[in-house]
Amino acid sequence: MNLHEFQAKAVLRDYGIATPRGVVITSADQCAVAVAELGGMPLVAKAQIHAGGRGKAGGVKLCRSLDDLSATAAALLGSRLTTYQNAPDGQPVHQLLIEETLPIARELYLSITVDRAAERIGLVASACGGMDIEEVAHSEPEKILKEWVNPATGLMDYQGRNLAFGLGLAGAQVGAFVQMVKTLYRIFLEKDLALLEINPLVVTGDGSGLGRILPLDCKMSVEDNALYRQKALAEIADESQIDPKEAEAHAHDVNYIALNGNIGCMVNGAGLAMATMDLIKLSGGQPANFLDVGGGATAATVARAFKIILADPNVKAVLINIFGGIMRCDIIAQGVIDAVKEVGVSIPVVVRLEGTNVELGRKMLADAVADSVTTTRLPIIASNDLDEAARQAVAAVGEQA
């Protein structure tokens, strides 16, 4: 679960980390109050969406007058802001963070995340703040500084100093940076975060580089599996920033991520789902989603998954790839048959089953299709091989084009 910038900064302030002064508004009429509260112009208006790249997309504006601020607010609020991270659909802007401006001497980058390869929490820093850090890591990897935290000792002061020196900080800035990093690490643990990113982390001043260190922007992502113990954060989740299909899937414990293709995927198991998507691509098609119904999928789960997939108007065929382990193939087959009838699926549905009772499951699918010829034909295409299933799904889409 992602937090908005203003929500993440509120968490920072709760832990004693200073942030630029700001006011959140939801209408252009509130601009005058914001200006009065912040002590006058100029101010920065920041669109609050769950995506990076807002500045390049026009979602961060420096405003030098109240009229300028009001016009910016009127233009952004109620719009959909599209960045390189949320293209092509963008996300709705319901709130703006109006912040004071600061004299910026330097822009740095700092983040904390889980490094799954190292099996430890990792800190990443760079003197190239305010830029696309992925591009910096690719083109100039020597500018990326890293420290891994030993879970037995926690974050050590020397690790913070290593990063501070690597960033070119000096004097009192080093101690301030070390204290900030230690506090951020504490936030990361206590709030069950998956990512804490500050970009940029600015050094204020007149160009000497000896000013204060402040987070000018902040992104926090909370581990979904820990939301049961982060109830305060869960309560401020902004569902409007999530694809409606993803929100519905989450409500029914179905793992779903919308993509831009036209072949809907329904698979049990994340690894199998990824392999299925790869084979669709290798066969010349485009997956419309990642959808993992889980190892204990039931007929009700399958029906719900169908409804979520078909809510995407771009879907022209569905590929179901189920390995019957915990749930037998005959039960899955019956669930598919019932779901196709219940939901009223009219597009081709390619089904590949493997595992326990697979022969019985395949027979049930074949019998259901045969029996439906005299009534309403079920659009089910049975397949015994995953490669073949992917090709059949791609071909089915081509036949409808």
Protein backbone atom coordinates (compact mmCIF):
# COMPACT_ATOMS: atom_id res chain seq x y z
CA MET A 1 0.00 0.00 0.00
CA ASN A 2 1.39 3.39 -1.02
CA LEU A 3 1.08 6.61 0.94
CA HIS A 4 0.71 10.07 -0.54
CA GLU A 5 3.62 12.45 -0.08
CA PHE A 6 1.79 14.52 2.54
CA GLN A 7 0.91 11.35 4.47
CA ALA A 8 4.50 10.09 4.37
CA LYS A 9 5.80 13.43 5.57
CA ALA A 10 3.32 13.35 8.46
CA VAL A 11 4.90 10.04 9.51
CA LEU A 12 8.35 11.63 9.32
CA ARG A 13 7.25 14.50 11.54
CA ASP A 14 5.76 12.07 14.06
CA TYR A 15 9.29 10.70 14.47
CA GLY A 16 10.87 14.12 14.80
CA ILE A 17 12.18 14.58 11.24
CA ALA A 18 11.62 18.15 10.04
CA THR A 19 9.95 18.63 6.65
CA PRO A 20 9.08 21.74 4.62
CA ARG A 21 5.96 23.49 5.91
CA GLY A 22 2.91 22.57 3.86
CA VAL A 23 -0.88 22.63 3.63
CA VAL A 24 -3.13 20.12 1.85
CA ILE A 25 -6.01 21.54 -0.20
CA THR A 26 -8.84 19.88 -2.10
CA SER A 27 -10.24 22.88 -3.99
CA ALA A 28 -8.89 26.06 -5.56
CA ASP A 29 -10.99 28.10 -3.11
CA GLN A 30 -8.64 27.02 -0.32
CA CYS A 31 -5.56 28.62 -1.90
CA ALA A 32 -5.90 31.95 -0.10
CA VAL A 33 -6.06 30.20 3.29
CA ALA A 34 -2.97 28.15 2.38
CA VAL A 35 -1.04 31.28 1.39
CA ALA A 36 -1.95 33.00 4.64
CA GLU A 37 -0.97 29.97 6.71
CA LEU A 38 2.38 29.58 4.98
CA GLY A 39 3.26 33.26 5.10
CA GLY A 40 2.97 34.35 1.50
CA MET A 41 4.35 33.55 -1.93
CA PRO A 42 6.15 31.94 -3.70
CA LEU A 43 4.84 28.44 -3.01
CA VAL A 44 5.04 25.05 -4.69
CA ALA A 45 1.89 23.12 -5.65
CA LYS A 46 2.32 19.35 -5.77
CA ALA A 47 -0.28 16.95 -7.17
CA GLN A 48 -0.82 14.04 -4.79
CA ILE A 49 -0.84 10.79 -6.74
CA HIS A 50 0.79 7.42 -6.22
CA ALA A 51 3.37 7.76 -8.99
CA GLY A 52 6.79 9.24 -9.57
CA GLY A 53 7.71 11.64 -12.34
CA ARG A 54 5.13 14.25 -11.31
CA GLY A 55 7.43 17.18 -12.02
CA LYS A 56 8.12 16.19 -15.62
CA ALA A 57 4.38 15.57 -16.14
CA GLY A 58 3.39 19.04 -14.93
CA GLY A 59 2.21 17.93 -11.51
CA VAL A 60 4.67 20.10 -9.54
CA LYS A 61 4.45 23.85 -10.14
CA LEU A 62 6.26 26.83 -8.66
CA CYS A 63 3.67 29.57 -8.15
CA ARG A 64 4.68 33.19 -7.55
CA SER A 65 1.26 34.73 -6.93
CA LEU A 66 -2.11 33.80 -5.48
CA ASP A 67 -3.69 34.01 -8.92
CA ASP A 68 -1.02 31.67 -10.30
CA LEU A 69 -1.58 29.23 -7.44
CA SER A 70 -5.37 29.33 -7.85
CA ALA A 71 -5.11 28.71 -11.58
CA THR A 72 -2.71 25.81 -11.01
CA ALA A 73 -5.01 24.28 -8.40
CA ALA A 74 -8.05 24.64 -10.66
CA ALA A 75 -6.17 22.95 -13.51
CA LEU A 76 -4.77 20.05 -11.48
CA LEU A 77 -7.58 19.20 -9.06
CA GLY A 78 -10.06 16.84 -10.67
CA SER A 79 -7.70 16.01 -13.54
CA ARG A 80 -5.86 12.79 -14.29
CA LEU A 81 -2.09 13.16 -14.17
CA THR A 82 -0.14 10.80 -16.42
CA THR A 83 3.55 10.16 -15.74
CA TYR A 84 6.02 7.62 -17.08
CA GLN A 85 5.15 5.39 -14.10
CA ASN A 86 1.35 5.30 -14.51
CA ALA A 87 0.91 5.67 -18.29
CA PRO A 88 -1.28 5.40 -20.24
CA ASP A 89 -4.28 5.93 -17.95
CA GLY A 90 -2.80 8.19 -15.29
CA GLN A 91 -4.28 8.72 -11.83
CA PRO A 92 -6.84 11.20 -10.47
CA VAL A 93 -5.69 14.28 -8.57
CA HIS A 94 -7.94 14.95 -5.57
CA GLN A 95 -5.47 16.77 -3.34
CA LEU A 96 -2.62 19.23 -3.68
CA LEU A 97 0.21 19.73 -1.22
CA ILE A 98 1.07 23.42 -1.08
CA GLU A 99 4.58 23.86 0.34
CA GLU A 100 6.99 26.62 1.18
CA THR A 101 9.95 27.12 -1.12
CA LEU A 102 13.49 26.54 0.13
CA PRO A 103 16.93 27.75 -0.98
CA ILE A 104 18.42 24.52 -2.33
CA ALA A 105 22.18 24.09 -2.47
CA ARG A 106 22.27 20.37 -3.30
CA GLU A 107 19.87 17.53 -4.13
CA LEU A 108 20.66 14.03 -2.83
CA TYR A 109 18.95 10.64 -3.04
CA LEU A 110 18.25 8.27 -0.13
CA SER A 111 16.13 5.14 0.16
CA ILE A 112 15.64 2.09 2.33
CA THR A 113 14.27 -1.14 0.93
CA VAL A 114 14.45 -4.90 1.25
CA ASP A 115 17.29 -6.37 -0.80
CA ARG A 116 16.00 -9.87 -1.48
CA ALA A 117 19.25 -11.00 -3.07
CA ALA A 118 21.25 -10.01 0.01
CA GLU A 119 18.38 -11.08 2.31
CA ARG A 120 18.84 -7.86 4.26
CA ILE A 121 17.50 -4.35 4.47
CA GLY A 122 19.56 -2.11 2.20
CA LEU A 123 20.23 1.62 2.21
CA VAL A 124 20.86 3.31 -1.13
CA ALA A 125 22.18 6.84 -1.49
CA SER A 126 23.50 9.02 -4.27
CA ALA A 127 24.68 12.57 -4.80
CA CYS A 128 22.51 12.56 -7.94
CA GLY A 129 19.23 13.39 -6.23
CA GLY A 130 16.20 14.66 -8.13
CA MET A 131 17.07 12.49 -11.13
CA ASP A 132 15.83 9.13 -12.38
CA ILE A 133 17.86 6.97 -10.02
CA GLU A 134 17.37 3.90 -12.23
CA GLU A 135 19.09 5.69 -15.11
CA VAL A 136 21.93 6.80 -12.83
CA ALA A 137 22.37 3.22 -11.59
CA HIS A 138 22.50 1.98 -15.18
CA SER A 139 24.78 4.61 -16.71
CA GLU A 140 26.91 5.63 -13.71
CA PRO A 141 26.77 2.81 -11.15
CA GLU A 142 29.79 4.20 -9.30
CA LYS A 143 27.56 7.05 -8.09
CA ILE A 144 25.27 4.69 -6.20
CA LEU A 145 26.25 4.09 -2.55
CA LYS A 146 24.92 1.07 -0.64
CA GLU A 147 24.94 -0.24 2.90
CA TRP A 148 23.34 -3.50 4.06
CA VAL A 149 22.05 -3.83 7.61
CA ASN A 150 22.95 -6.88 9.65
CA PRO A 151 19.67 -7.89 11.38
CA ALA A 152 21.61 -8.98 14.47
CA THR A 153 23.15 -5.54 15.06
CA GLY A 154 20.77 -3.19 13.31
CA LEU A 155 21.94 -0.07 11.53
CA MET A 156 25.31 1.07 12.87
CA ASP A 157 26.50 4.67 13.10
CA TYR A 158 29.54 3.98 10.94
CA GLN A 159 27.25 2.91 8.10
CA GLY A 160 25.48 6.25 8.25
CA ARG A 161 28.84 8.02 8.26
CA ASN A 162 29.97 5.99 5.26
CA LEU A 163 27.00 7.27 3.30
CA ALA A 164 27.41 10.83 4.59
CA PHE A 165 31.06 10.99 3.54
CA GLY A 166 30.23 9.40 0.21
CA LEU A 167 27.63 12.12 -0.38
CA GLY A 168 30.17 14.83 0.39
CA LEU A 169 28.53 16.06 3.58
CA ALA A 170 30.71 17.84 6.11
CA GLY A 171 30.77 19.18 9.65
CA ALA A 172 27.50 19.11 11.55
CA GLN A 173 25.76 17.74 8.46
CA VAL A 174 27.35 14.34 9.04
CA GLY A 175 25.89 13.95 12.52
CA ALA A 176 22.51 15.24 11.37
CA PHE A 177 22.48 12.81 8.45
CA VAL A 178 23.44 9.83 10.63
CA GLN A 179 20.65 10.66 13.08
CA MET A 180 18.14 11.03 10.25
CA VAL A 181 19.15 7.71 8.69
CA LYS A 182 18.81 5.93 12.03
CA THR A 183 15.34 7.42 12.50
CA LEU A 184 14.33 6.45 8.95
CA TYR A 185 15.49 2.90 9.60
CA ARG A 186 13.38 2.84 12.77
CA ILE A 187 10.36 4.07 10.78
CA PHE A 188 11.00 1.40 8.15
CA LEU A 189 10.88 -1.34 10.78
CA GLU A 190 8.11 -0.02 12.99
CA LYS A 191 5.77 0.84 10.12
CA ASP A 192 6.43 -2.43 8.21
CA LEU A 193 7.54 -0.58 5.10
CA ALA A 194 8.59 -2.19 1.84
CA LEU A 195 10.11 1.06 0.56
CA LEU A 196 11.04 4.42 2.04
CA GLU A 197 12.40 6.79 -0.60
CA ILE A 198 13.44 10.42 -0.27
CA ASN A 199 14.16 12.03 -3.61
CA PRO A 200 15.38 14.63 -3.34
CA LEU A 201 16.91 14.96 0.08
CA VAL A 202 18.01 18.58 -0.08
CA VAL A 203 20.78 20.54 1.53
CA THR A 204 19.56 24.09 2.06
CA GLY A 205 21.75 27.18 1.89
CA ASP A 206 23.17 29.82 -0.36
CA GLY A 207 25.32 27.46 -2.37
CA SER A 208 27.94 26.71 0.26
CA GLY A 209 26.41 23.32 0.95
CA LEU A 210 26.52 23.78 4.72
CA GLY A 211 22.79 24.16 5.33
CA ARG A 212 20.14 21.92 6.84
CA ILE A 213 19.21 18.53 5.43
CA LEU A 214 15.49 18.15 4.66
CA PRO A 215 13.33 15.62 2.75
CA LEU A 216 11.82 17.63 -0.10
CA ASP A 217 9.82 14.61 -1.28
CA CYS A 218 9.05 11.30 0.39
CA LYS A 219 7.53 8.04 -0.77
CA MET A 220 6.46 5.23 1.54
CA SER A 221 5.10 1.81 0.60
CA VAL A 222 3.67 -0.36 3.35
CA GLU A 223 3.93 -4.15 3.11
CA ASP A 224 0.38 -5.30 2.36
CA ASN A 225 0.77 -8.44 4.46
CA ALA A 226 1.46 -6.28 7.53
CA LEU A 227 -1.55 -3.97 7.21
CA TYR A 228 -3.39 -5.96 9.87
CA ARG A 229 -1.01 -4.45 12.42
CA GLN A 230 -0.74 -1.05 10.74
CA LYS A 231 -4.40 -0.16 11.08
CA ALA A 232 -3.80 3.60 11.30
CA LEU A 233 -2.00 3.54 7.95
CA ALA A 234 -4.53 1.18 6.38
CA GLU A 235 -7.32 3.60 7.28
CA ILE A 236 -5.78 6.41 5.22
CA ALA A 237 -5.34 4.33 2.06
CA ASP A 238 -6.53 6.18 -1.05
CA GLU A 239 -8.43 3.61 -3.09
CA SER A 240 -8.95 6.12 -5.91
CA GLN A 241 -5.28 5.71 -6.82
CA ILE A 242 -5.70 1.99 -7.45
CA ASP A 243 -7.11 0.41 -10.59
CA PRO A 244 -10.75 -0.48 -9.68
CA LYS A 245 -10.16 -4.07 -10.77
CA GLU A 246 -7.12 -4.31 -8.51
CA ALA A 247 -9.10 -2.87 -5.60
CA GLU A 248 -11.88 -5.43 -6.08
CA ALA A 249 -9.36 -8.25 -6.38
CA HIS A 250 -7.65 -7.17 -3.16
CA ALA A 251 -11.02 -7.13 -1.38
CA HIS A 252 -11.54 -10.79 -2.38
CA ASP A 253 -7.97 -11.95 -1.66
CA VAL A 254 -7.13 -12.35 -5.34
CA ASN A 255 -3.71 -11.17 -6.53
CA TYR A 256 -4.35 -9.05 -9.62
CA ILE A 257 -2.29 -6.49 -11.52
CA ALA A 258 -3.68 -4.82 -14.63
CA LEU A 259 -1.52 -4.70 -17.76
CA ASN A 260 -2.06 -3.32 -21.26
CA GLY A 261 -2.62 -6.51 -23.31
CA ASN A 262 -5.74 -8.31 -24.52
CA ILE A 263 -5.34 -11.88 -23.18
CA GLY A 264 -6.70 -12.26 -19.67
CA CYS A 265 -4.74 -14.67 -17.47
CA MET A 266 -6.07 -16.75 -14.58
CA VAL A 267 -3.44 -18.90 -12.92
CA ASN A 268 -2.82 -20.44 -9.50
CA GLY A 269 0.64 -19.63 -8.19
CA ALA A 270 2.75 -16.53 -8.84
CA GLY A 271 5.60 -18.41 -10.54
CA LEU A 272 3.22 -20.25 -12.86
CA ALA A 273 1.47 -16.96 -13.61
CA MET A 274 4.75 -15.35 -14.62
CA ALA A 275 5.64 -18.32 -16.83
CA THR A 276 2.19 -18.16 -18.44
CA MET A 277 2.62 -14.48 -19.24
CA ASP A 278 6.07 -15.17 -20.70
CA LEU A 279 4.68 -17.86 -23.00
CA ILE A 280 1.90 -15.55 -24.18
CA LYS A 281 4.55 -13.00 -25.11
CA LEU A 282 6.71 -15.63 -26.81
CA SER A 283 3.67 -16.70 -28.82
CA GLY A 284 3.16 -13.17 -30.10
CA GLY A 285 0.43 -12.07 -27.70
CA GLN A 286 0.08 -9.53 -24.92
CA PRO A 287 -1.14 -10.47 -21.42
CA ALA A 288 -3.87 -8.19 -20.06
CA ASN A 289 -3.14 -8.92 -16.45
CA PHE A 290 -1.35 -10.89 -13.79
CA LEU A 291 -3.92 -12.84 -11.78
CA ASP A 292 -3.10 -15.47 -9.16
CA VAL A 293 -6.17 -17.11 -7.65
CA GLY A 294 -4.03 -18.98 -5.12
CA GLY A 295 -3.50 -22.65 -4.43
CA GLY A 296 -6.88 -23.14 -2.74
CA ALA A 297 -9.01 -21.70 -5.55
CA THR A 298 -12.71 -22.55 -5.40
CA ALA A 299 -15.57 -22.22 -7.88
CA ALA A 300 -16.50 -18.93 -6.23
CA THR A 301 -12.92 -17.67 -6.55
CA VAL A 302 -12.84 -18.60 -10.23
CA ALA A 303 -16.16 -16.82 -10.85
CA ARG A 304 -14.94 -13.70 -9.08
CA ALA A 305 -11.67 -13.80 -11.06
CA PHE A 306 -13.64 -14.03 -14.32
CA LYS A 307 -15.62 -10.94 -13.40
CA ILE A 308 -12.45 -9.00 -12.58
CA ILE A 309 -10.76 -10.03 -15.85
CA LEU A 310 -13.83 -9.23 -17.97
CA ALA A 311 -14.15 -5.78 -16.40
CA ASP A 312 -11.25 -4.87 -18.69
CA PRO A 313 -12.81 -4.04 -22.09
CA ASN A 314 -9.50 -4.80 -23.83
CA VAL A 315 -9.66 -8.52 -22.99
CA LYS A 316 -10.48 -10.57 -26.11
CA ALA A 317 -9.62 -14.04 -24.76
CA VAL A 318 -8.90 -15.69 -21.41
CA LEU A 319 -6.18 -18.24 -20.69
CA ILE A 320 -6.72 -20.36 -17.58
CA ASN A 321 -3.69 -22.32 -16.45
CA ILE A 322 -4.30 -24.33 -13.28
CA PHE A 323 -2.10 -26.89 -11.57
CA GLY A 324 -4.26 -29.11 -9.39
CA GLY A 325 -2.34 -29.68 -6.20
CA ILE A 326 -4.23 -28.51 -3.14
CA MET A 327 -7.36 -28.20 -5.30
CA ARG A 328 -8.17 -31.13 -7.62
CA CYS A 329 -8.53 -30.55 -11.36
CA ASP A 330 -12.09 -31.89 -11.45
CA ILE A 331 -13.19 -29.30 -8.90
CA ILE A 332 -11.42 -26.57 -10.85
CA ALA A 333 -13.04 -27.77 -14.09
CA GLN A 334 -16.48 -27.62 -12.52
CA GLY A 335 -15.69 -24.16 -11.19
CA VAL A 336 -14.67 -22.98 -14.67
CA ILE A 337 -17.81 -24.41 -16.24
CA ASP A 338 -20.07 -22.86 -13.60
CA ALA A 339 -18.27 -19.53 -13.79
CA VAL A 340 -18.49 -19.32 -17.59
CA LYS A 341 -22.22 -19.94 -17.36
CA GLU A 342 -22.78 -17.61 -14.41
CA VAL A 343 -20.78 -14.70 -15.73
CA GLY A 344 -21.99 -15.16 -19.30
CA VAL A 345 -18.56 -15.29 -20.89
CA SER A 346 -18.76 -14.83 -24.67
CA ILE A 347 -15.06 -14.55 -25.56
CA PRO A 348 -12.85 -17.64 -26.02
CA VAL A 349 -11.64 -19.29 -22.83
CA VAL A 350 -8.57 -21.53 -23.21
CA VAL A 351 -8.19 -23.94 -20.27
CA ARG A 352 -5.08 -25.93 -19.47
CA LEU A 353 -5.23 -28.25 -16.48
CA GLU A 354 -2.50 -30.39 -14.94
CA GLY A 355 -2.16 -32.29 -11.68
CA THR A 356 -4.48 -34.31 -9.46
CA ASN A 357 -7.50 -35.79 -11.28
CA VAL A 358 -6.45 -34.04 -14.48
CA GLU A 359 -8.05 -36.63 -16.79
CA LEU A 360 -11.37 -36.31 -15.02
CA GLY A 361 -11.16 -32.53 -15.20
CA ARG A 362 -10.42 -32.57 -18.92
CA LYS A 363 -13.31 -34.94 -19.53
CA MET A 364 -15.67 -32.68 -17.62
CA LEU A 365 -14.64 -29.72 -19.80
CA ALA A 366 -15.07 -31.74 -23.00
CA ASP A 367 -18.47 -33.05 -21.91
CA ALA A 368 -19.66 -29.57 -20.95
CA VAL A 369 -18.69 -28.17 -24.35
CA ALA A 370 -20.34 -31.09 -26.15
CA ASP A 371 -23.53 -30.80 -24.11
CA SER A 372 -23.74 -27.07 -24.76
CA VAL A 373 -23.84 -27.43 -28.55
CA THR A 374 -27.59 -27.86 -28.55
CA THR A 375 -28.15 -24.86 -26.26
CA THR A 376 -25.71 -22.00 -25.80
CA ARG A 377 -22.26 -23.15 -26.77
CA LEU A 378 -19.67 -22.65 -24.06
CA PRO A 379 -16.64 -20.80 -25.47
CA ILE A 380 -14.21 -23.20 -23.77
CA ILE A 381 -11.12 -24.49 -25.59
CA ALA A 382 -9.41 -27.32 -23.71
CA SER A 383 -5.65 -27.70 -24.01
CA ASN A 384 -3.27 -30.36 -22.66
CA ASP A 385 -0.07 -28.35 -23.09
CA LEU A 386 0.90 -24.89 -21.87
CA ASP A 387 2.76 -23.92 -25.06
CA GLU A 388 -0.26 -25.01 -27.07
CA ALA A 389 -2.61 -23.13 -24.74
CA ALA A 390 -0.67 -19.90 -25.20
CA ARG A 391 -0.74 -20.29 -28.98
CA GLN A 392 -4.47 -21.05 -28.91
CA ALA A 393 -5.16 -17.94 -26.86
CA VAL A 394 -3.15 -15.75 -29.25
CA ALA A 395 -4.91 -17.34 -32.22
CA ALA A 396 -8.32 -16.78 -30.62
CA VAL A 397 -7.57 -13.08 -30.26
CA GLY A 398 -6.44 -12.94 -33.89
CA GLU A 399 -9.69 -14.51 -35.08
CA GLN A 400 -11.70 -11.76 -33.37
CA ALA A 401 -9.61 -8.92 -34.79
